[in-house]
Amino acid sequence: MAAPRRDASRAFTLIELLVVIAIIAVLAAILFPVFAQARESARKATCQSNLRQIAQAMAQYVSDYDGAFPNTGNYQLWQGRYWRWPLQPYLAYGRRRNPAASNPNFDAIGSDRNVLWCPSDTTASQVWEHTSYAYARCFYQSPDQIARMTGRLSAFSDPAPPVTQYEAAVAYPAQKVIVAEWLSNHQDPKSASWWSWDGARNYLFADGHVKHLAARSLLPATNGLPDVNVTVGGIGGRDLP
């Protein structure tokens, strides 16, 4: 019995195959950037969720300590160190002795991609003490940083002992940054390893809200708006891109 003959009219020609491949390539070129943008949007949302959880922990701490914000007593705030320790019971992340860190008593951050690690921060290490977020320097030291936060002149000079910052004393809390995204290995933000959301970053304000802002919007101002000196270190504007 003869095998059924193949209908040549139903076969793809080379031209038709090339057209299909071209269509697939065009669709891929259109969709891949969309997928990448969606992925970054999801990461940004996760980062904002992290800051909201930090805000909740901060609010609980302030409530438990008579209106006082955490006082680290250490200047290494833009490195993501120390400031998180008072919040550890509220954030419920486990502190683990970390012999690989510069201080073996530091905890490992990032191994469980917890609330202190932005998903787009590729520099946050699982064995070092740095995080993706920095505490405002004004909550460590008193000179003009405290004056800018409270709207009052400071009686201290730099270097000064740590000064407790109280929630009720913060002027314009909806306009004052308390925690911000910051490169976990405290490099210059202009370095290639610095991540950025289209030139903007996520900020947690003293009233507890989180906002996505261009870093340039935090340039020094005289009208009570966010100032670089009360964000992530206040080192001569280096925390601006």
Protein backbone atom coordinates (compact mmCIF):
# COMPACT_ATOMS: atom_id res chain seq x y z
CA MET A 1 0.00 0.00 0.00
CA ALA A 2 1.44 3.31 -1.03
CA ALA A 3 2.12 5.88 1.66
CA PRO A 4 -0.11 8.98 1.56
CA ARG A 5 1.44 11.76 -0.39
CA ARG A 6 2.38 14.92 1.49
CA ASP A 7 0.49 18.00 0.41
CA ALA A 8 3.27 20.36 -0.61
CA SER A 9 0.91 23.30 -0.48
CA ARG A 10 0.65 22.94 3.35
CA ALA A 11 4.39 23.10 4.01
CA PHE A 12 6.14 26.27 5.20
CA THR A 13 8.30 27.95 2.64
CA LEU A 14 11.64 29.41 3.66
CA ILE A 15 10.26 32.93 3.32
CA GLU A 16 7.31 32.15 5.58
CA LEU A 17 9.65 30.66 8.17
CA LEU A 18 11.84 33.76 8.09
CA VAL A 19 8.76 35.95 8.51
CA VAL A 20 7.69 33.97 11.58
CA ILE A 21 11.19 34.24 13.05
CA ALA A 22 11.20 37.99 12.40
CA ILE A 23 7.83 38.40 14.12
CA ILE A 24 9.08 36.46 17.14
CA ALA A 25 12.21 38.62 17.27
CA VAL A 26 10.14 41.82 17.14
CA LEU A 27 7.82 40.59 19.89
CA ALA A 28 10.81 39.60 22.02
CA ALA A 29 12.38 43.02 21.53
CA ILE A 30 9.14 44.63 22.68
CA LEU A 31 8.33 42.30 25.56
CA PHE A 32 11.74 41.74 27.17
CA PRO A 33 12.14 45.39 28.25
CA VAL A 34 8.57 45.30 29.55
CA PHE A 35 9.36 42.20 31.59
CA ALA A 36 12.55 43.81 32.90
CA GLN A 37 10.65 46.95 33.85
CA ALA A 38 8.00 44.87 35.60
CA ARG A 39 10.71 43.04 37.52
CA GLU A 40 12.29 46.30 38.65
CA SER A 41 8.88 47.66 39.62
CA ALA A 42 8.36 44.58 41.77
CA ARG A 43 11.76 45.08 43.39
CA LYS A 44 10.99 48.72 44.03
CA ALA A 45 7.71 47.73 45.65
CA THR A 46 9.56 45.22 47.84
CA CYS A 47 12.02 47.93 48.84
CA GLN A 48 9.17 50.26 49.75
CA SER A 49 7.55 47.44 51.73
CA ASN A 50 10.83 47.00 53.62
CA LEU A 51 10.83 50.67 54.58
CA ARG A 52 7.20 50.49 55.70
CA GLN A 53 8.07 47.57 57.97
CA ILE A 54 10.99 49.58 59.33
CA ALA A 55 8.55 52.46 59.89
CA GLN A 56 6.27 50.19 61.88
CA ALA A 57 9.19 48.95 63.95
CA MET A 58 10.31 52.53 64.50
CA ALA A 59 6.83 53.54 65.64
CA GLN A 60 6.71 50.68 68.12
CA TYR A 61 10.13 51.62 69.47
CA VAL A 62 9.13 55.27 69.82
CA SER A 63 5.96 54.24 71.64
CA ASP A 64 7.86 51.98 74.03
CA TYR A 65 10.59 54.55 74.76
CA ASP A 66 8.50 57.59 75.62
CA GLY A 67 8.62 59.21 72.20
CA ALA A 68 12.38 58.83 71.66
CA PHE A 69 13.84 57.64 68.37
CA PRO A 70 16.63 55.03 68.45
CA ASN A 71 19.95 56.61 69.35
CA THR A 72 22.87 54.63 68.03
CA GLY A 73 25.70 56.60 69.58
CA ASN A 74 27.78 55.90 66.51
CA TYR A 75 28.48 57.86 63.36
CA GLN A 76 28.52 54.87 60.98
CA LEU A 77 24.91 55.34 59.96
CA TRP A 78 25.32 55.67 56.21
CA GLN A 79 27.07 52.28 56.26
CA GLY A 80 23.89 50.61 57.45
CA ARG A 81 25.47 49.69 60.77
CA TYR A 82 24.33 49.86 64.37
CA TRP A 83 21.10 51.83 63.95
CA ARG A 84 19.18 48.66 63.21
CA TRP A 85 20.13 46.98 66.47
CA PRO A 86 17.58 48.79 68.68
CA LEU A 87 14.91 47.77 66.16
CA GLN A 88 15.89 44.10 66.07
CA PRO A 89 13.16 42.96 68.52
CA TYR A 90 10.54 44.76 66.43
CA LEU A 91 11.79 43.59 63.04
CA ALA A 92 12.15 40.03 64.32
CA TYR A 93 15.26 39.16 62.35
CA GLY A 94 17.68 36.82 64.06
CA ARG A 95 21.04 38.23 65.03
CA ARG A 96 23.84 35.77 64.43
CA ARG A 97 27.46 36.06 65.44
CA ASN A 98 29.41 36.64 62.27
CA PRO A 99 33.15 35.81 62.48
CA ALA A 100 33.70 36.95 58.88
CA ALA A 101 32.67 40.53 59.66
CA SER A 102 35.00 43.30 60.78
CA ASN A 103 33.57 42.74 64.25
CA PRO A 104 32.57 39.12 65.00
CA ASN A 105 29.65 40.36 67.09
CA PHE A 106 28.01 41.88 64.03
CA ASP A 107 25.07 40.02 62.59
CA ALA A 108 24.92 38.62 59.07
CA ILE A 109 22.53 40.56 56.85
CA GLY A 110 21.08 39.33 53.60
CA SER A 111 21.32 35.58 53.99
CA ASP A 112 17.54 35.38 54.23
CA ARG A 113 16.91 38.51 52.14
CA ASN A 114 15.19 40.10 55.06
CA VAL A 115 13.65 43.51 55.53
CA LEU A 116 17.04 45.23 55.73
CA TRP A 117 18.15 44.24 52.25
CA CYS A 118 16.83 45.86 49.08
CA PRO A 119 16.43 43.21 46.34
CA SER A 120 18.27 45.43 43.85
CA ASP A 121 21.26 45.97 46.13
CA THR A 122 23.88 43.63 44.70
CA THR A 123 26.52 44.87 47.15
CA ALA A 124 24.75 43.72 50.31
CA SER A 125 26.72 40.75 51.54
CA GLN A 126 25.55 37.74 53.44
CA VAL A 127 28.59 37.87 55.70
CA TRP A 128 29.09 41.58 56.33
CA GLU A 129 27.25 43.94 58.60
CA HIS A 130 26.12 46.52 56.05
CA THR A 131 22.50 46.90 54.99
CA SER A 132 20.75 48.63 52.09
CA TYR A 133 19.36 51.42 54.25
CA ALA A 134 20.84 54.25 56.26
CA TYR A 135 19.58 56.07 59.32
CA ALA A 136 19.56 59.86 59.24
CA ARG A 137 22.69 61.23 60.83
CA CYS A 138 20.70 63.79 62.75
CA PHE A 139 19.53 60.98 65.00
CA TYR A 140 23.10 60.36 66.10
CA GLN A 141 24.69 63.72 66.64
CA SER A 142 23.57 67.15 67.67
CA PRO A 143 25.13 70.07 65.79
CA ASP A 144 23.17 71.55 62.90
CA GLN A 145 21.57 68.18 62.09
CA ILE A 146 19.48 68.28 65.26
CA ALA A 147 18.76 71.95 64.68
CA ARG A 148 17.48 71.21 61.19
CA MET A 149 15.23 68.42 62.41
CA THR A 150 13.75 70.28 65.36
CA GLY A 151 13.85 73.83 64.02
CA ARG A 152 15.83 74.87 67.10
CA LEU A 153 19.39 75.99 67.55
CA SER A 154 21.70 73.41 69.04
CA ALA A 155 23.77 74.12 72.12
CA PHE A 156 26.37 71.54 71.14
CA SER A 157 29.38 71.68 68.90
CA ASP A 158 30.84 69.00 66.71
CA PRO A 159 32.04 66.52 67.86
CA ALA A 160 29.24 66.25 70.38
CA PRO A 161 27.86 63.42 72.48
CA PRO A 162 24.87 61.54 71.11
CA VAL A 163 21.64 63.40 71.67
CA THR A 164 18.29 61.67 71.96
CA GLN A 165 15.87 62.81 69.30
CA TYR A 166 12.21 62.96 70.30
CA GLU A 167 9.29 62.55 67.94
CA ALA A 168 7.47 65.57 69.32
CA ALA A 169 10.49 67.79 68.65
CA VAL A 170 10.77 67.03 64.94
CA ALA A 171 9.54 69.95 62.87
CA TYR A 172 7.63 69.09 59.67
CA PRO A 173 7.86 65.29 60.20
CA ALA A 174 6.17 64.63 56.85
CA GLN A 175 9.08 66.42 55.17
CA LYS A 176 12.03 65.02 57.14
CA VAL A 177 13.80 61.87 56.01
CA ILE A 178 14.59 59.34 58.70
CA VAL A 179 15.75 56.28 56.70
CA ALA A 180 16.90 56.16 53.08
CA GLU A 181 18.33 53.75 50.56
CA TRP A 182 22.08 53.81 50.76
CA LEU A 183 24.84 51.76 49.19
CA SER A 184 25.62 49.02 51.66
CA ASN A 185 29.39 49.21 51.24
CA HIS A 186 29.22 53.03 51.60
CA GLN A 187 30.89 53.76 48.28
CA ASP A 188 30.43 57.00 46.42
CA PRO A 189 26.93 56.86 44.88
CA LYS A 190 28.48 57.79 41.55
CA SER A 191 30.19 54.39 41.44
CA ALA A 192 29.03 51.79 38.97
CA SER A 193 27.77 49.51 41.73
CA TRP A 194 25.20 52.02 42.98
CA TRP A 195 21.65 50.95 42.16
CA SER A 196 19.04 53.54 41.32
CA TRP A 197 15.40 53.54 40.32
CA ASP A 198 15.64 55.74 37.23
CA GLY A 199 17.59 58.34 39.21
CA ALA A 200 15.30 58.13 42.23
CA ARG A 201 15.27 56.31 45.55
CA ASN A 202 12.89 55.30 48.30
CA TYR A 203 12.78 57.36 51.48
CA LEU A 204 11.08 56.85 54.84
CA PHE A 205 9.94 60.08 56.46
CA ALA A 206 9.64 60.85 60.15
CA ASP A 207 5.84 60.67 60.06
CA GLY A 208 6.04 57.07 58.83
CA HIS A 209 5.21 57.45 55.14
CA VAL A 210 7.42 56.14 52.34
CA LYS A 211 7.97 58.08 49.14
CA HIS A 212 9.84 57.50 45.91
CA LEU A 213 11.80 60.67 45.10
CA ALA A 214 14.56 61.85 42.83
CA ALA A 215 17.64 62.38 44.95
CA ARG A 216 17.98 65.89 43.58
CA SER A 217 14.71 66.78 45.28
CA LEU A 218 16.56 66.55 48.59
CA LEU A 219 18.93 69.38 47.83
CA PRO A 220 19.44 71.80 50.75
CA ALA A 221 16.43 74.04 51.22
CA THR A 222 15.42 76.82 53.59
CA ASN A 223 11.70 76.13 53.70
CA GLY A 224 11.65 73.07 55.94
CA LEU A 225 11.80 70.58 53.09
CA PRO A 226 14.11 67.55 53.26
CA ASP A 227 17.75 68.49 53.45
CA VAL A 228 20.72 66.36 52.52
CA ASN A 229 22.19 66.90 55.99
CA VAL A 230 19.29 65.04 57.54
CA THR A 231 19.21 62.12 55.16
CA VAL A 232 22.01 59.62 54.76
CA GLY A 233 25.16 61.08 56.22
CA GLY A 234 25.28 64.71 55.18
CA ILE A 235 28.78 64.49 53.73
CA GLY A 236 28.99 67.45 51.41
CA GLY A 237 26.20 66.28 49.16
CA ARG A 238 27.89 63.01 48.24
CA ASP A 239 24.62 61.23 48.78
CA LEU A 240 23.28 62.88 45.63
CA PRO A 241 23.99 61.33 42.22
